[in-house]
Amino acid sequence: IIILSSSAACVLTYFLSTGHHYWSLLVLTPVFGFLITSGPTVSYPNIVDLMGVKKLNPALGILIFVRGVAALFGLSAAGFILRNISPNITFHFYIASFLFGVSTFLQTLILCHSRMIRSRSPGYTVL
């Protein structure tokens, strides 16, 4: 689910940069919001699948810490980029699209890695 939603968000973010009309933003923005809500929702089962139940507390602590740092510095970094590097607003959509693409790639690698580990476990059948 998270791979599909992040890849769709990658494409949709690119199309948000071309939204020069108000009606296109009215259509694309709720779809984008619907797509990215699956990230926090599905991340906990993904962590359990990847790390196991025994390492759930440290993994969730690291996840919450990274999300907090991103929330603390993300808006300031976006403002710095907007003011000093590129005053073009579409540049930020391209950066977000690229980062969603990187997220999709990393989630695909994690899925392949976890399936490879499970297939090596004795008595486990991959569905």
N, C-alpha and C. Protein backbone atom coordinates (compact mmCIF):
# COMPACT_ATOMS: atom_id res chain seq x y z
N ILE A 1 0.83 -1.19 0.00
CA ILE A 1 0.00 0.00 0.00
C ILE A 1 0.87 1.25 0.00
N ILE A 2 1.90 1.24 0.83
CA ILE A 2 2.72 2.45 0.95
C ILE A 2 3.55 2.69 -0.31
N ILE A 3 3.93 1.62 -1.00
CA ILE A 3 4.70 1.79 -2.24
C ILE A 3 3.80 2.39 -3.32
N LEU A 4 2.59 1.90 -3.42
CA LEU A 4 1.66 2.45 -4.41
C LEU A 4 1.30 3.90 -4.10
N SER A 5 1.07 4.21 -2.83
CA SER A 5 0.68 5.57 -2.49
C SER A 5 1.84 6.55 -2.66
N SER A 6 3.06 6.14 -2.31
CA SER A 6 4.17 7.07 -2.48
C SER A 6 4.54 7.25 -3.95
N SER A 7 4.39 6.20 -4.76
CA SER A 7 4.65 6.38 -6.20
C SER A 7 3.57 7.25 -6.84
N ALA A 8 2.32 7.08 -6.41
CA ALA A 8 1.25 7.94 -6.93
C ALA A 8 1.44 9.38 -6.44
N ALA A 9 1.91 9.56 -5.21
CA ALA A 9 2.17 10.91 -4.70
C ALA A 9 3.33 11.55 -5.45
N CYS A 10 4.30 10.76 -5.88
CA CYS A 10 5.41 11.28 -6.68
C CYS A 10 4.89 11.87 -7.99
N VAL A 11 4.04 11.13 -8.67
CA VAL A 11 3.48 11.60 -9.93
C VAL A 11 2.54 12.79 -9.70
N LEU A 12 1.72 12.70 -8.67
CA LEU A 12 0.75 13.76 -8.41
C LEU A 12 1.43 15.07 -8.00
N THR A 13 2.53 14.98 -7.26
CA THR A 13 3.26 16.18 -6.87
C THR A 13 3.84 16.87 -8.10
N TYR A 14 4.28 16.08 -9.05
CA TYR A 14 4.76 16.68 -10.30
C TYR A 14 3.63 17.42 -11.01
N PHE A 15 2.44 16.82 -11.02
CA PHE A 15 1.30 17.47 -11.68
C PHE A 15 0.79 18.68 -10.88
N LEU A 16 1.01 18.70 -9.57
CA LEU A 16 0.63 19.87 -8.79
C LEU A 16 1.43 21.10 -9.20
N SER A 17 2.66 20.90 -9.68
CA SER A 17 3.46 22.03 -10.11
C SER A 17 2.92 22.67 -11.37
N THR A 18 2.15 21.92 -12.14
CA THR A 18 1.57 22.48 -13.36
C THR A 18 0.18 23.05 -13.14
N GLY A 19 -0.30 23.01 -11.92
CA GLY A 19 -1.65 23.50 -11.62
C GLY A 19 -1.72 25.00 -11.58
N HIS A 20 -1.94 25.63 -12.72
CA HIS A 20 -2.02 27.08 -12.78
C HIS A 20 -3.45 27.58 -12.64
N HIS A 21 -4.39 26.66 -12.64
CA HIS A 21 -5.79 27.03 -12.50
C HIS A 21 -6.30 26.54 -11.14
N TYR A 22 -7.21 27.32 -10.58
CA TYR A 22 -7.72 27.01 -9.25
C TYR A 22 -8.47 25.70 -9.22
N TRP A 23 -9.21 25.36 -10.25
CA TRP A 23 -9.98 24.12 -10.26
C TRP A 23 -9.07 22.90 -10.26
N SER A 24 -7.90 23.00 -10.91
CA SER A 24 -6.99 21.85 -10.90
C SER A 24 -6.40 21.63 -9.51
N LEU A 25 -6.12 22.73 -8.80
CA LEU A 25 -5.64 22.58 -7.43
C LEU A 25 -6.73 22.05 -6.51
N LEU A 26 -7.98 22.42 -6.75
CA LEU A 26 -9.10 21.90 -5.95
C LEU A 26 -9.28 20.40 -6.15
N VAL A 27 -8.95 19.90 -7.31
CA VAL A 27 -9.09 18.47 -7.58
C VAL A 27 -7.86 17.71 -7.09
N LEU A 28 -6.67 18.22 -7.36
CA LEU A 28 -5.44 17.47 -7.06
C LEU A 28 -5.07 17.47 -5.58
N THR A 29 -5.34 18.55 -4.88
CA THR A 29 -4.93 18.64 -3.48
C THR A 29 -5.63 17.62 -2.57
N PRO A 30 -6.94 17.42 -2.64
CA PRO A 30 -7.54 16.37 -1.80
C PRO A 30 -7.07 14.97 -2.16
N VAL A 31 -6.82 14.72 -3.42
CA VAL A 31 -6.31 13.41 -3.82
C VAL A 31 -4.92 13.19 -3.24
N PHE A 32 -4.09 14.24 -3.27
CA PHE A 32 -2.76 14.16 -2.68
C PHE A 32 -2.85 13.90 -1.18
N GLY A 33 -3.73 14.61 -0.49
CA GLY A 33 -3.91 14.39 0.95
C GLY A 33 -4.38 12.98 1.27
N PHE A 34 -5.28 12.46 0.45
CA PHE A 34 -5.75 11.09 0.63
C PHE A 34 -4.61 10.09 0.44
N LEU A 35 -3.73 10.34 -0.52
CA LEU A 35 -2.64 9.42 -0.80
C LEU A 35 -1.59 9.39 0.30
N ILE A 36 -1.23 10.56 0.81
CA ILE A 36 -0.13 10.57 1.78
C ILE A 36 -0.56 10.19 3.19
N THR A 37 -1.87 10.08 3.44
CA THR A 37 -2.29 9.65 4.78
C THR A 37 -1.97 8.19 5.04
N SER A 38 -1.72 7.42 4.01
CA SER A 38 -1.39 6.02 4.22
C SER A 38 0.02 5.84 4.79
N GLY A 39 0.88 6.82 4.62
CA GLY A 39 2.25 6.71 5.12
C GLY A 39 2.34 6.48 6.61
N PRO A 40 1.81 7.39 7.45
CA PRO A 40 1.86 7.14 8.89
C PRO A 40 1.03 5.94 9.33
N THR A 41 -0.04 5.66 8.61
CA THR A 41 -0.92 4.56 9.00
C THR A 41 -0.26 3.21 8.78
N VAL A 42 0.43 3.06 7.68
CA VAL A 42 1.00 1.76 7.32
C VAL A 42 2.43 1.60 7.83
N SER A 43 3.03 2.65 8.34
CA SER A 43 4.43 2.55 8.76
C SER A 43 4.62 1.63 9.96
N TYR A 44 3.65 1.57 10.87
CA TYR A 44 3.81 0.71 12.04
C TYR A 44 3.80 -0.78 11.69
N PRO A 45 2.87 -1.25 10.87
CA PRO A 45 2.98 -2.66 10.47
C PRO A 45 4.24 -2.95 9.65
N ASN A 46 4.69 -1.99 8.88
CA ASN A 46 5.94 -2.18 8.13
C ASN A 46 7.13 -2.33 9.07
N ILE A 47 7.14 -1.55 10.14
CA ILE A 47 8.23 -1.66 11.12
C ILE A 47 8.20 -3.02 11.80
N VAL A 48 7.00 -3.50 12.14
CA VAL A 48 6.89 -4.82 12.77
C VAL A 48 7.36 -5.90 11.80
N ASP A 49 7.00 -5.78 10.53
CA ASP A 49 7.45 -6.77 9.54
C ASP A 49 8.95 -6.73 9.36
N LEU A 50 9.53 -5.54 9.37
CA LEU A 50 10.95 -5.40 9.11
C LEU A 50 11.81 -5.73 10.34
N MET A 51 11.44 -5.18 11.50
CA MET A 51 12.28 -5.31 12.68
C MET A 51 11.84 -6.42 13.63
N GLY A 52 10.56 -6.78 13.60
CA GLY A 52 10.06 -7.76 14.55
C GLY A 52 9.45 -7.07 15.75
N VAL A 53 8.67 -7.83 16.50
CA VAL A 53 7.96 -7.27 17.64
C VAL A 53 8.93 -6.92 18.78
N LYS A 54 10.02 -7.67 18.90
CA LYS A 54 10.95 -7.43 20.01
C LYS A 54 11.67 -6.09 19.89
N LYS A 55 11.88 -5.61 18.68
CA LYS A 55 12.57 -4.33 18.47
C LYS A 55 11.60 -3.20 18.13
N LEU A 56 10.32 -3.38 18.44
CA LEU A 56 9.32 -2.38 18.07
C LEU A 56 9.51 -1.08 18.84
N ASN A 57 9.75 -1.12 20.14
CA ASN A 57 9.88 0.11 20.92
C ASN A 57 11.05 0.98 20.46
N PRO A 58 12.27 0.44 20.30
CA PRO A 58 13.35 1.31 19.81
C PRO A 58 13.10 1.83 18.39
N ALA A 59 12.50 0.99 17.54
CA ALA A 59 12.23 1.43 16.17
C ALA A 59 11.21 2.55 16.15
N LEU A 60 10.16 2.45 16.95
CA LEU A 60 9.16 3.52 17.01
C LEU A 60 9.74 4.79 17.63
N GLY A 61 10.63 4.63 18.59
CA GLY A 61 11.29 5.81 19.17
C GLY A 61 12.12 6.54 18.14
N ILE A 62 12.87 5.79 17.34
CA ILE A 62 13.67 6.42 16.28
C ILE A 62 12.76 7.06 15.24
N LEU A 63 11.68 6.39 14.87
CA LEU A 63 10.75 6.93 13.88
C LEU A 63 10.13 8.24 14.37
N ILE A 64 9.68 8.27 15.61
CA ILE A 64 9.07 9.48 16.15
C ILE A 64 10.09 10.60 16.27
N PHE A 65 11.33 10.27 16.63
CA PHE A 65 12.39 11.28 16.70
C PHE A 65 12.67 11.89 15.33
N VAL A 66 12.77 11.05 14.30
CA VAL A 66 13.05 11.55 12.95
C VAL A 66 11.89 12.40 12.45
N ARG A 67 10.67 11.98 12.72
CA ARG A 67 9.51 12.78 12.31
C ARG A 67 9.48 14.12 13.04
N GLY A 68 9.87 14.13 14.30
CA GLY A 68 9.92 15.39 15.05
C GLY A 68 10.97 16.33 14.52
N VAL A 69 12.14 15.81 14.19
CA VAL A 69 13.20 16.64 13.60
C VAL A 69 12.75 17.19 12.25
N ALA A 70 12.09 16.35 11.47
CA ALA A 70 11.59 16.81 10.17
C ALA A 70 10.54 17.90 10.34
N ALA A 71 9.66 17.76 11.33
CA ALA A 71 8.66 18.78 11.57
C ALA A 71 9.29 20.07 12.09
N LEU A 72 10.37 19.94 12.87
CA LEU A 72 11.02 21.12 13.44
C LEU A 72 11.79 21.91 12.39
N PHE A 73 12.53 21.21 11.53
CA PHE A 73 13.40 21.90 10.59
C PHE A 73 12.86 21.94 9.16
N GLY A 74 11.83 21.18 8.85
CA GLY A 74 11.35 21.09 7.47
C GLY A 74 10.81 22.40 6.94
N LEU A 75 9.97 23.07 7.70
CA LEU A 75 9.41 24.32 7.22
C LEU A 75 10.45 25.42 7.13
N SER A 76 11.37 25.45 8.07
CA SER A 76 12.45 26.45 8.00
C SER A 76 13.34 26.22 6.80
N ALA A 77 13.64 24.95 6.52
CA ALA A 77 14.47 24.64 5.35
C ALA A 77 13.74 24.99 4.06
N ALA A 78 12.44 24.75 4.01
CA ALA A 78 11.67 25.10 2.81
C ALA A 78 11.64 26.61 2.61
N GLY A 79 11.49 27.35 3.67
CA GLY A 79 11.53 28.81 3.56
C GLY A 79 12.89 29.32 3.14
N PHE A 80 13.95 28.71 3.65
CA PHE A 80 15.31 29.10 3.25
C PHE A 80 15.53 28.83 1.78
N ILE A 81 15.07 27.67 1.31
CA ILE A 81 15.24 27.34 -0.10
C ILE A 81 14.43 28.30 -0.97
N LEU A 82 13.23 28.61 -0.55
CA LEU A 82 12.38 29.52 -1.32
C LEU A 82 12.99 30.91 -1.41
N ARG A 83 13.54 31.38 -0.33
CA ARG A 83 14.07 32.74 -0.31
C ARG A 83 15.44 32.85 -0.97
N ASN A 84 16.33 31.89 -0.72
CA ASN A 84 17.72 32.06 -1.14
C ASN A 84 18.12 31.29 -2.39
N ILE A 85 17.52 30.15 -2.62
CA ILE A 85 18.00 29.31 -3.71
C ILE A 85 17.13 29.49 -4.95
N SER A 86 15.84 29.32 -4.80
CA SER A 86 14.97 29.38 -5.98
C SER A 86 13.66 30.05 -5.62
N PRO A 87 13.41 31.23 -6.16
CA PRO A 87 12.13 31.88 -5.89
C PRO A 87 10.98 31.28 -6.70
N ASN A 88 11.29 30.35 -7.58
CA ASN A 88 10.26 29.70 -8.40
C ASN A 88 9.54 28.67 -7.55
N ILE A 89 8.23 28.79 -7.42
CA ILE A 89 7.46 27.91 -6.54
C ILE A 89 7.40 26.48 -7.08
N THR A 90 7.51 26.29 -8.38
CA THR A 90 7.43 24.94 -8.93
C THR A 90 8.65 24.11 -8.57
N PHE A 91 9.77 24.74 -8.24
CA PHE A 91 10.98 24.03 -7.84
C PHE A 91 10.71 23.15 -6.62
N HIS A 92 9.91 23.63 -5.70
CA HIS A 92 9.60 22.87 -4.48
C HIS A 92 8.77 21.63 -4.78
N PHE A 93 7.88 21.74 -5.74
CA PHE A 93 7.11 20.57 -6.14
C PHE A 93 8.01 19.52 -6.78
N TYR A 94 9.01 19.96 -7.54
CA TYR A 94 9.94 19.02 -8.14
C TYR A 94 10.78 18.32 -7.08
N ILE A 95 11.19 19.07 -6.06
CA ILE A 95 11.94 18.47 -4.95
C ILE A 95 11.07 17.45 -4.23
N ALA A 96 9.82 17.79 -3.94
CA ALA A 96 8.92 16.86 -3.26
C ALA A 96 8.66 15.63 -4.10
N SER A 97 8.51 15.81 -5.40
CA SER A 97 8.30 14.66 -6.29
C SER A 97 9.51 13.75 -6.29
N PHE A 98 10.70 14.34 -6.32
CA PHE A 98 11.93 13.55 -6.27
C PHE A 98 12.03 12.78 -4.95
N LEU A 99 11.69 13.43 -3.84
CA LEU A 99 11.78 12.76 -2.54
C LEU A 99 10.75 11.65 -2.39
N PHE A 100 9.56 11.83 -2.95
CA PHE A 100 8.58 10.74 -2.97
C PHE A 100 9.09 9.58 -3.82
N GLY A 101 9.79 9.88 -4.90
CA GLY A 101 10.39 8.83 -5.73
C GLY A 101 11.47 8.07 -4.97
N VAL A 102 12.29 8.79 -4.22
CA VAL A 102 13.31 8.14 -3.39
C VAL A 102 12.65 7.26 -2.33
N SER A 103 11.57 7.76 -1.73
CA SER A 103 10.84 6.98 -0.74
C SER A 103 10.27 5.71 -1.35
N THR A 104 9.73 5.81 -2.55
CA THR A 104 9.20 4.63 -3.23
C THR A 104 10.30 3.62 -3.49
N PHE A 105 11.45 4.09 -3.93
CA PHE A 105 12.58 3.19 -4.19
C PHE A 105 13.05 2.50 -2.91
N LEU A 106 13.17 3.26 -1.82
CA LEU A 106 13.63 2.66 -0.56
C LEU A 106 12.60 1.68 0.00
N GLN A 107 11.31 2.01 -0.10
CA GLN A 107 10.29 1.08 0.36
C GLN A 107 10.28 -0.21 -0.45
N THR A 108 10.55 -0.10 -1.74
CA THR A 108 10.64 -1.30 -2.58
C THR A 108 11.83 -2.15 -2.17
N LEU A 109 12.97 -1.52 -1.88
CA LEU A 109 14.14 -2.28 -1.41
C LEU A 109 13.86 -2.96 -0.08
N ILE A 110 13.17 -2.28 0.82
CA ILE A 110 12.84 -2.86 2.12
C ILE A 110 11.90 -4.05 1.95
N LEU A 111 10.92 -3.92 1.06
CA LEU A 111 9.99 -5.02 0.81
C LEU A 111 10.72 -6.24 0.24
N CYS A 112 11.60 -6.01 -0.72
CA CYS A 112 12.36 -7.13 -1.30
C CYS A 112 13.27 -7.77 -0.26
N HIS A 113 13.90 -6.95 0.57
CA HIS A 113 14.79 -7.47 1.61
C HIS A 113 14.03 -8.30 2.64
N SER A 114 12.88 -7.80 3.08
CA SER A 114 12.12 -8.54 4.09
C SER A 114 11.55 -9.84 3.51
N ARG A 115 11.14 -9.84 2.26
CA ARG A 115 10.67 -11.08 1.64
C ARG A 115 11.80 -12.08 1.45
N MET A 116 12.99 -11.59 1.16
CA MET A 116 14.13 -12.48 1.01
C MET A 116 14.50 -13.12 2.35
N ILE A 117 14.43 -12.33 3.41
CA ILE A 117 14.73 -12.88 4.74
C ILE A 117 13.68 -13.89 5.16
N ARG A 118 12.40 -13.58 4.89
CA ARG A 118 11.33 -14.51 5.26
C ARG A 118 11.41 -15.82 4.49
N SER A 119 11.82 -15.75 3.23
CA SER A 119 11.88 -16.97 2.43
C SER A 119 12.99 -17.90 2.92
N ARG A 120 13.97 -17.34 3.59
CA ARG A 120 15.05 -18.16 4.14
C ARG A 120 14.70 -18.77 5.49
N SER A 121 13.67 -18.25 6.14
CA SER A 121 13.27 -18.76 7.45
C SER A 121 12.62 -20.12 7.29
N PRO A 122 13.03 -21.10 8.12
CA PRO A 122 12.42 -22.43 8.01
C PRO A 122 10.98 -22.42 8.50
N GLY A 123 10.10 -23.07 7.76
CA GLY A 123 8.72 -23.19 8.15
C GLY A 123 7.87 -21.98 7.80
N TYR A 124 8.39 -21.05 7.02
CA TYR A 124 7.63 -19.88 6.66
C TYR A 124 7.31 -19.93 5.16
N THR A 125 6.07 -19.71 4.82
CA THR A 125 5.65 -19.72 3.42
C THR A 125 5.25 -18.32 3.02
N VAL A 126 5.89 -17.80 1.97
CA VAL A 126 5.56 -16.48 1.46
C VAL A 126 4.27 -16.56 0.69
N LEU A 127 3.33 -15.64 0.98
CA LEU A 127 2.05 -15.64 0.28
C LEU A 127 2.16 -15.02 -1.08
